């Protein structure tokens, strides 16, 4: 059995006011489709973030329809899961798509009853785990394991997604060979760009969106999305990354897919690298030097000039027609300084569960860039105590 693994398409992505949908459609027509026809996989797996916005605009939906049309022409079955950028608008017509062998997972149906691929007397079990909020996951777990879920949740004021997944994995029979398809970040992966906001924001909310790798040891292979870099962790965890760079942090990453083979329950894989339809580059230097250069790539420029330059964007755009971002070096340093005010990476114990007051202090520092004044914090504390008291009384 041969599998082509992809993820994080982000159809409809806008990069610094530059619409990418035409580049994306060109990529699927001129790169992805020929690759599928050349490699002849038995199955395509897409690990979430099919579109870029939960409420995609008309142009994006048209592009999505066109991509599905291209894919159905290959006659290769496809497994999709929803990612954190997707919504059920993407899977609205999933029952009709199944007639074309396109399977969209937006709940736990294909996890509790895995998708089974059969070939030459062998079977592979695909456990599809879409991105779900903690509230959605609690609701679905209660619905599927009513009494046991109530016992598990009893007495818990709050529960994390890793705890819920650990419970879920213990209640479902994991048949071998088992492939988990998910959209999440694990702690030993390489983070980049926009998908985890440099790792800082998740840390401020207790690090619950970064999962321990050990949680997934019960699966023979994990095909994950969410992180945009093509990478493998240990032997059985693969990220295909995004097929195109969607932030300047990704500019130097090799883009591609994983091609995976199952033979007599043994798995092997290799990367397939591709050339994206555009390149992202960052130029740093003085205006007088940069104006003499030229590049048609999508460009970010950081000016080292200490004194302001007259109309720098308009003038540089003549030689850099796809100039997307222009900043002075001092602006960049100031932004980095503002991030450092959070003090999160250095001072937050990642194993610590923050209470409401700690979370509020971190949140205020994140938004305002400074510590909260004590009189304001006292007002928050009073309202919090009143809220918790009312909550307790409503439970009783």
Protein backbone atom coordinates (compact mmCIF):
# COMPACT_ATOMS: atom_id res chain seq x y z
CA UNK A 1 0.00 0.00 0.00
CA UNK A 2 1.30 3.44 -0.97
CA UNK A 3 0.22 6.69 0.73
CA UNK A 4 0.87 10.28 -0.27
CA UNK A 5 0.74 12.52 2.81
CA UNK A 6 0.08 16.26 2.56
CA UNK A 7 -1.23 18.96 4.89
CA UNK A 8 -1.81 22.65 5.59
CA UNK A 9 -2.95 23.78 2.16
CA UNK A 10 -4.48 27.00 3.55
CA UNK A 11 -6.50 27.66 0.42
CA UNK A 12 -7.38 31.35 0.19
CA UNK A 13 -4.33 32.45 2.14
CA UNK A 14 -3.51 36.16 2.03
CA UNK A 15 0.12 37.00 2.77
CA UNK A 16 0.66 40.67 3.64
CA UNK A 17 -2.36 41.67 1.46
CA UNK A 18 -1.15 39.43 -1.37
CA UNK A 19 -3.84 36.92 -2.42
CA UNK A 20 -2.31 33.52 -3.08
CA UNK A 21 -5.32 31.59 -4.43
CA UNK A 22 -4.16 31.81 -8.08
CA UNK A 23 -0.71 30.54 -7.12
CA UNK A 24 -2.33 27.73 -5.11
CA UNK A 25 -4.56 26.61 -7.98
CA UNK A 26 -1.58 26.72 -10.34
CA UNK A 27 0.36 24.56 -7.88
CA UNK A 28 -2.35 21.89 -7.76
CA UNK A 29 -2.72 21.85 -11.54
CA UNK A 30 0.96 21.93 -12.50
CA UNK A 31 2.70 20.23 -9.56
CA UNK A 32 0.39 18.22 -7.30
CA UNK A 33 -1.78 16.60 -9.97
CA UNK A 34 1.17 15.41 -12.13
CA UNK A 35 2.87 14.11 -8.98
CA UNK A 36 -0.16 11.99 -8.06
CA UNK A 37 -0.33 10.59 -11.60
CA UNK A 38 3.40 9.83 -11.54
CA UNK A 39 3.59 8.22 -8.08
CA UNK A 40 0.24 6.39 -8.32
CA UNK A 41 -0.53 6.24 -4.57
CA UNK A 42 -3.33 4.01 -3.34
CA UNK A 43 -4.46 6.72 -0.93
CA UNK A 44 -3.94 10.44 -0.29
CA UNK A 45 -4.03 11.70 3.31
CA UNK A 46 -4.46 15.41 4.08
CA UNK A 47 -3.95 16.32 7.76
CA UNK A 48 -6.03 19.48 8.12
CA UNK A 49 -6.05 23.22 7.39
CA UNK A 50 -7.58 22.71 3.98
CA UNK A 51 -8.62 26.37 3.84
CA UNK A 52 -7.14 29.36 5.63
CA UNK A 53 -10.24 30.92 7.19
CA UNK A 54 -13.13 29.25 9.09
CA UNK A 55 -15.50 31.37 6.99
CA UNK A 56 -13.93 31.19 3.51
CA UNK A 57 -14.89 33.80 0.94
CA UNK A 58 -16.49 32.97 -2.42
CA UNK A 59 -13.17 33.00 -4.27
CA UNK A 60 -11.70 30.48 -1.82
CA UNK A 61 -14.75 28.20 -2.06
CA UNK A 62 -14.49 28.27 -5.85
CA UNK A 63 -10.82 27.34 -5.54
CA UNK A 64 -11.64 24.55 -3.09
CA UNK A 65 -14.24 23.17 -5.51
CA UNK A 66 -11.70 23.28 -8.34
CA UNK A 67 -9.08 21.44 -6.28
CA UNK A 68 -11.63 18.73 -5.41
CA UNK A 69 -12.51 18.45 -9.10
CA UNK A 70 -8.83 17.94 -9.96
CA UNK A 71 -8.40 15.34 -7.24
CA UNK A 72 -11.48 13.31 -8.20
CA UNK A 73 -10.11 13.08 -11.74
CA UNK A 74 -7.22 10.97 -10.39
CA UNK A 75 -9.65 8.33 -8.97
CA UNK A 76 -7.40 8.08 -5.89
CA UNK A 77 -9.32 7.90 -2.55
CA UNK A 78 -8.59 10.79 -0.20
CA UNK A 79 -8.82 11.14 3.60
CA UNK A 80 -9.23 14.68 4.92
CA UNK A 81 -9.44 15.86 8.51
CA UNK A 82 -10.34 19.38 9.62
CA UNK A 83 -7.61 21.57 11.12
CA UNK A 84 -7.79 24.59 13.41
CA UNK A 85 -8.22 26.92 10.40
CA UNK A 86 -11.12 24.88 9.01
CA UNK A 87 -14.76 24.76 9.99
CA UNK A 88 -17.66 22.46 9.19
CA UNK A 89 -18.45 24.64 6.20
CA UNK A 90 -15.66 22.70 4.49
CA UNK A 91 -17.27 19.33 5.32
CA UNK A 92 -20.90 20.41 4.78
CA UNK A 93 -21.40 18.06 1.81
CA UNK A 94 -19.18 15.23 3.06
CA UNK A 95 -21.83 12.57 2.48
CA UNK A 96 -21.97 13.46 -1.23
CA UNK A 97 -18.18 13.57 -1.51
CA UNK A 98 -17.94 9.99 -0.23
CA UNK A 99 -19.49 8.89 -3.52
CA UNK A 100 -16.25 10.14 -5.11
CA UNK A 101 -14.15 8.38 -2.44
CA UNK A 102 -13.35 11.65 -0.62
CA UNK A 103 -13.75 11.19 3.13
CA UNK A 104 -13.88 14.24 5.43
CA UNK A 105 -13.55 13.74 9.20
CA UNK A 106 -15.03 16.53 11.34
CA UNK A 107 -15.92 14.47 14.44
CA UNK A 108 -14.84 11.21 16.10
CA UNK A 109 -16.77 8.88 13.77
CA UNK A 110 -13.66 7.76 11.86
CA UNK A 111 -11.69 7.46 15.06
CA UNK A 112 -14.06 5.22 17.01
CA UNK A 113 -14.71 3.24 13.81
CA UNK A 114 -11.47 3.67 11.85
CA UNK A 115 -11.24 3.87 8.09
CA UNK A 116 -9.97 0.47 6.89
CA UNK A 117 -7.89 0.16 3.74
CA UNK A 118 -7.67 -3.33 2.24
CA UNK A 119 -5.26 -4.47 -0.43
CA UNK A 120 -3.93 -7.91 -1.37
CA UNK A 121 -5.36 -9.43 1.81
CA UNK A 122 -3.72 -6.85 4.08
CA UNK A 123 -5.42 -4.16 6.16
CA UNK A 124 -4.34 -0.79 7.49
CA UNK A 125 -6.48 1.06 10.07
CA UNK A 126 -6.65 4.87 9.85
CA UNK A 127 -7.78 6.66 13.01
CA UNK A 128 -8.89 10.13 11.92
CA UNK A 129 -8.67 12.78 14.64
CA UNK A 130 -9.70 16.26 13.44
CA UNK A 131 -8.85 19.40 15.37
CA UNK A 132 -11.50 19.81 18.07
CA UNK A 133 -11.81 22.35 20.85
CA UNK A 134 -11.83 21.01 24.41
CA UNK A 135 -15.58 21.69 24.58
CA UNK A 136 -16.30 19.78 21.35
CA UNK A 137 -14.10 16.92 22.49
CA UNK A 138 -15.82 16.70 25.89
CA UNK A 139 -19.23 16.66 24.19
CA UNK A 140 -18.23 13.93 21.71
CA UNK A 141 -16.56 11.82 24.40
CA UNK A 142 -19.71 12.05 26.57
CA UNK A 143 -21.84 11.10 23.58
CA UNK A 144 -19.70 8.08 22.73
CA UNK A 145 -18.78 6.82 26.23
CA UNK A 146 -21.57 8.23 28.38
CA UNK A 147 -21.16 6.49 31.77
CA UNK A 148 -17.39 6.05 31.62
CA UNK A 149 -16.93 9.66 30.48
CA UNK A 150 -19.04 10.96 33.37
CA UNK A 151 -16.90 8.95 35.81
CA UNK A 152 -13.74 10.32 34.20
CA UNK A 153 -14.94 13.93 34.31
CA UNK A 154 -16.46 13.77 37.78
CA UNK A 155 -14.82 16.16 40.22
CA UNK A 156 -12.68 17.86 37.54
CA UNK A 157 -12.98 21.66 37.42
CA UNK A 158 -11.09 21.67 34.15
CA UNK A 159 -9.67 19.08 31.81
CA UNK A 160 -7.03 19.42 29.12
CA UNK A 161 -7.10 18.07 25.57
CA UNK A 162 -4.15 15.70 26.26
CA UNK A 163 -6.09 14.23 29.21
CA UNK A 164 -9.16 13.75 27.03
CA UNK A 165 -7.12 12.09 24.29
CA UNK A 166 -5.47 9.76 26.78
CA UNK A 167 -8.96 8.73 27.96
CA UNK A 168 -10.16 8.33 24.37
CA UNK A 169 -7.18 6.18 23.38
CA UNK A 170 -7.82 3.91 26.35
CA UNK A 171 -11.45 3.31 25.36
CA UNK A 172 -10.96 2.56 21.68
CA UNK A 173 -9.48 -0.71 20.46
CA UNK A 174 -6.37 0.24 18.47
CA UNK A 175 -6.11 -2.35 15.72
CA UNK A 176 -2.78 -2.95 14.01
CA UNK A 177 -1.23 -1.57 11.93
CA UNK A 178 -2.69 1.68 13.25
CA UNK A 179 -2.21 5.06 11.56
CA UNK A 180 -3.25 8.18 13.44
CA UNK A 181 -4.13 11.22 11.29
CA UNK A 182 -4.16 14.38 13.41
CA UNK A 183 -3.71 18.13 13.42
CA UNK A 184 -1.60 19.15 16.41
CA UNK A 185 1.86 20.07 17.68
CA UNK A 186 4.10 17.73 19.66
CA UNK A 187 6.77 18.91 22.06
CA UNK A 188 9.84 17.65 20.22
CA UNK A 189 8.91 19.08 16.81
CA UNK A 190 10.44 22.11 15.08
CA UNK A 191 8.06 25.06 15.39
CA UNK A 192 8.01 27.99 12.99
CA UNK A 193 6.07 30.85 11.55
CA UNK A 194 2.45 31.59 12.28
CA UNK A 195 1.08 28.20 13.27
CA UNK A 196 2.20 28.40 16.91
CA UNK A 197 2.97 32.11 17.18
CA UNK A 198 6.63 31.40 18.04
CA UNK A 199 5.51 29.11 20.88
CA UNK A 200 4.69 32.01 23.19
CA UNK A 201 0.92 32.32 23.17
CA UNK A 202 0.32 28.63 23.81
CA UNK A 203 2.62 28.79 26.82
CA UNK A 204 0.55 31.55 28.36
CA UNK A 205 -2.52 29.32 28.37
CA UNK A 206 -0.86 26.40 30.05
CA UNK A 207 0.86 24.83 27.05
CA UNK A 208 -2.16 22.62 26.37
CA UNK A 209 -1.82 22.78 22.59
CA UNK A 210 1.64 21.21 22.68
CA UNK A 211 1.31 17.46 23.21
CA UNK A 212 3.86 15.00 24.63
CA UNK A 213 5.18 12.66 21.97
CA UNK A 214 4.73 9.71 24.33
CA UNK A 215 0.95 10.15 24.14
CA UNK A 216 0.92 8.60 20.65
CA UNK A 217 3.08 5.53 21.27
CA UNK A 218 0.10 3.21 20.79
CA UNK A 219 0.05 4.01 17.04
CA UNK A 220 2.36 2.51 14.45
CA UNK A 221 2.44 5.71 12.39
CA UNK A 222 1.27 9.29 12.98
CA UNK A 223 0.56 11.59 10.02
CA UNK A 224 0.25 15.07 11.49
CA UNK A 225 -0.55 18.55 10.25
CA UNK A 226 -0.38 22.00 11.89
CA UNK A 227 3.39 22.59 11.78
CA UNK A 228 4.54 23.96 8.43
CA UNK A 229 7.94 22.30 8.23
CA UNK A 230 8.44 18.89 6.57
CA UNK A 231 9.92 16.73 9.34
CA UNK A 232 10.02 13.29 10.94
CA UNK A 233 10.23 12.60 14.68
CA UNK A 234 11.65 9.32 15.93
CA UNK A 235 10.47 6.69 13.49
CA UNK A 236 6.71 6.93 13.42
CA UNK A 237 5.70 10.63 13.53
CA UNK A 238 5.63 12.57 10.27
CA UNK A 239 4.72 16.17 9.46
CA UNK A 240 4.36 16.91 5.75
CA UNK A 241 4.27 20.66 6.41
CA UNK A 242 2.65 23.19 4.09
CA UNK A 243 3.29 22.72 0.35
CA UNK A 244 4.10 26.44 0.03
CA UNK A 245 5.75 28.95 2.37
CA UNK A 246 3.11 31.00 4.18
CA UNK A 247 5.38 33.15 6.35
CA UNK A 248 8.88 34.56 6.01
CA UNK A 249 9.99 32.21 8.80
CA UNK A 250 9.42 29.36 6.34
CA UNK A 251 11.40 30.94 3.50
CA UNK A 252 14.34 28.53 3.69
CA UNK A 253 12.40 25.34 4.40
CA UNK A 254 12.28 22.60 1.81
CA UNK A 255 8.67 21.95 0.83
CA UNK A 256 7.14 18.65 -0.20
CA UNK A 257 5.25 15.53 0.87
CA UNK A 258 5.84 12.14 2.42
CA UNK A 259 5.51 9.01 0.29
CA UNK A 260 4.80 6.07 2.56
CA UNK A 261 4.74 2.33 1.86
CA UNK A 262 3.12 -0.42 3.92
CA UNK A 263 4.21 -3.96 3.16
CA UNK A 264 3.33 -6.86 5.46
CA UNK A 265 2.78 -4.40 8.35
CA UNK A 266 6.23 -2.90 7.80
CA UNK A 267 6.33 0.80 7.03
CA UNK A 268 8.88 2.85 5.12
CA UNK A 269 8.79 6.43 3.93
CA UNK A 270 10.71 9.00 1.95
CA UNK A 271 10.25 12.73 1.29
CA UNK A 272 9.31 14.10 -2.11
CA UNK A 273 10.60 17.66 -2.47
CA UNK A 274 8.96 20.21 -4.74
CA UNK A 275 9.53 23.75 -5.95
CA UNK A 276 6.74 26.09 -4.73
CA UNK A 277 5.21 28.49 -7.29
CA UNK A 278 6.82 31.46 -5.54
CA UNK A 279 9.71 32.24 -3.20
CA UNK A 280 9.91 34.37 -0.06
CA UNK A 281 13.07 36.37 0.62
CA UNK A 282 14.24 38.86 3.23
CA UNK A 283 16.68 41.62 2.32
CA UNK A 284 18.49 43.66 4.97
CA UNK A 285 20.59 46.70 4.12
CA UNK A 286 20.75 50.40 3.42
CA UNK A 287 18.35 52.02 0.99
CA UNK A 288 21.14 53.27 -1.30
CA UNK A 289 22.35 49.68 -1.82
CA UNK A 290 18.96 47.97 -2.07
CA UNK A 291 17.63 50.37 -4.71
CA UNK A 292 20.37 49.07 -7.05
CA UNK A 293 19.18 45.48 -6.72
CA UNK A 294 16.06 43.78 -8.03
CA UNK A 295 14.11 40.58 -7.38
CA UNK A 296 10.68 39.29 -8.43
CA UNK A 297 10.33 37.02 -5.39
CA UNK A 298 7.90 37.91 -2.62
CA UNK A 299 10.11 40.17 -0.56
CA UNK A 300 10.42 41.58 2.95
CA UNK A 301 12.91 44.43 3.36
CA UNK A 302 14.50 45.60 6.61
CA UNK A 303 16.18 48.98 6.23
CA UNK A 304 19.26 49.73 8.34
CA UNK A 305 19.06 53.47 7.70
CA UNK A 306 18.99 55.48 10.94
CA UNK A 307 17.21 58.47 9.37
CA UNK A 308 13.88 58.09 7.50
CA UNK A 309 14.03 57.71 3.72
CA UNK A 310 11.53 59.62 1.55
CA UNK A 311 8.90 57.29 -0.01
CA UNK A 312 10.97 54.11 0.46
CA UNK A 313 8.14 51.67 -0.31
CA UNK A 314 7.12 53.30 -3.58
CA UNK A 315 10.72 53.60 -4.78
CA UNK A 316 11.79 50.09 -3.79
CA UNK A 317 8.67 48.56 -5.33
CA UNK A 318 9.96 49.62 -8.75
CA UNK A 319 12.84 47.15 -8.42
CA UNK A 320 11.06 44.69 -6.09
CA UNK A 321 7.60 44.42 -7.74
CA UNK A 322 6.40 41.89 -5.14
CA UNK A 323 7.53 43.87 -2.10
CA UNK A 324 5.18 42.73 0.68
CA UNK A 325 6.70 44.23 3.83
CA UNK A 326 9.02 47.11 4.63
CA UNK A 327 10.39 47.91 8.08
CA UNK A 328 13.26 49.78 9.63
CA UNK A 329 15.71 47.76 11.70
CA UNK A 330 14.82 49.79 14.80
CA UNK A 331 11.16 48.77 14.42
CA UNK A 332 12.12 45.11 14.35
CA UNK A 333 14.26 45.48 17.48
CA UNK A 334 11.39 47.25 19.25
CA UNK A 335 9.00 44.43 18.35
CA UNK A 336 11.43 41.86 19.75
CA UNK A 337 11.75 43.95 22.91
CA UNK A 338 7.96 44.04 23.31
CA UNK A 339 7.81 40.26 22.99
CA UNK A 340 10.50 39.93 25.65
CA UNK A 341 8.32 41.91 28.08
CA UNK A 342 6.14 38.84 28.32
CA UNK A 343 8.97 36.90 29.96
CA UNK A 344 7.12 33.73 29.09
CA UNK A 345 9.82 31.56 27.58
CA UNK A 346 12.22 32.16 30.46
CA UNK A 347 9.92 32.24 33.47
CA UNK A 348 6.94 30.00 32.81
CA UNK A 349 7.09 26.47 34.11
CA UNK A 350 5.58 24.52 31.22
CA UNK A 351 4.33 21.77 33.53
CA UNK A 352 2.49 24.24 35.77
CA UNK A 353 -1.27 24.74 35.42
CA UNK A 354 -1.96 28.44 35.85
CA UNK A 355 -4.98 29.57 37.88
CA UNK A 356 -7.35 32.30 36.67
CA UNK A 357 -5.45 35.13 38.35
CA UNK A 358 -2.09 34.07 36.91
CA UNK A 359 -3.64 33.70 33.47
CA UNK A 360 -5.14 37.17 33.69
CA UNK A 361 -1.79 38.70 34.67
CA UNK A 362 -0.11 36.99 31.69
CA UNK A 363 -2.92 37.99 29.34
CA UNK A 364 -2.78 41.63 30.46
CA UNK A 365 0.99 41.70 29.99
CA UNK A 366 0.57 40.14 26.53
CA UNK A 367 -1.98 42.74 25.40
CA UNK A 368 -0.66 45.88 27.12
CA UNK A 369 3.07 45.11 27.17
CA UNK A 370 3.33 45.92 30.90
CA UNK A 371 2.33 44.60 34.31
CA UNK A 372 -1.23 45.21 35.48
CA UNK A 373 -1.79 47.94 38.10
CA UNK A 374 -2.82 46.55 41.49
CA UNK A 375 -6.10 48.55 41.80
CA UNK A 376 -7.26 47.13 38.46
CA UNK A 377 -6.16 43.63 39.46
CA UNK A 378 -8.11 43.92 42.71
CA UNK A 379 -11.27 44.78 40.74
CA UNK A 380 -10.71 41.72 38.54
CA UNK A 381 -10.17 39.54 41.63
CA UNK A 382 -13.44 40.71 43.17
CA UNK A 383 -15.40 39.91 40.02
CA UNK A 384 -13.64 36.55 39.72
CA UNK A 385 -14.52 35.56 43.28
CA UNK A 386 -18.14 36.56 42.70
CA UNK A 387 -18.24 34.54 39.48
CA UNK A 388 -16.73 31.43 41.10
CA UNK A 389 -19.14 31.72 44.03
CA UNK A 390 -22.16 31.94 41.71
CA UNK A 391 -20.82 29.02 39.68
CA UNK A 392 -20.47 26.88 42.80
CA UNK A 393 -24.00 27.76 43.96
CA UNK A 394 -25.47 26.85 40.57
CA UNK A 395 -23.77 23.43 40.76
CA UNK A 396 -25.22 22.82 44.23
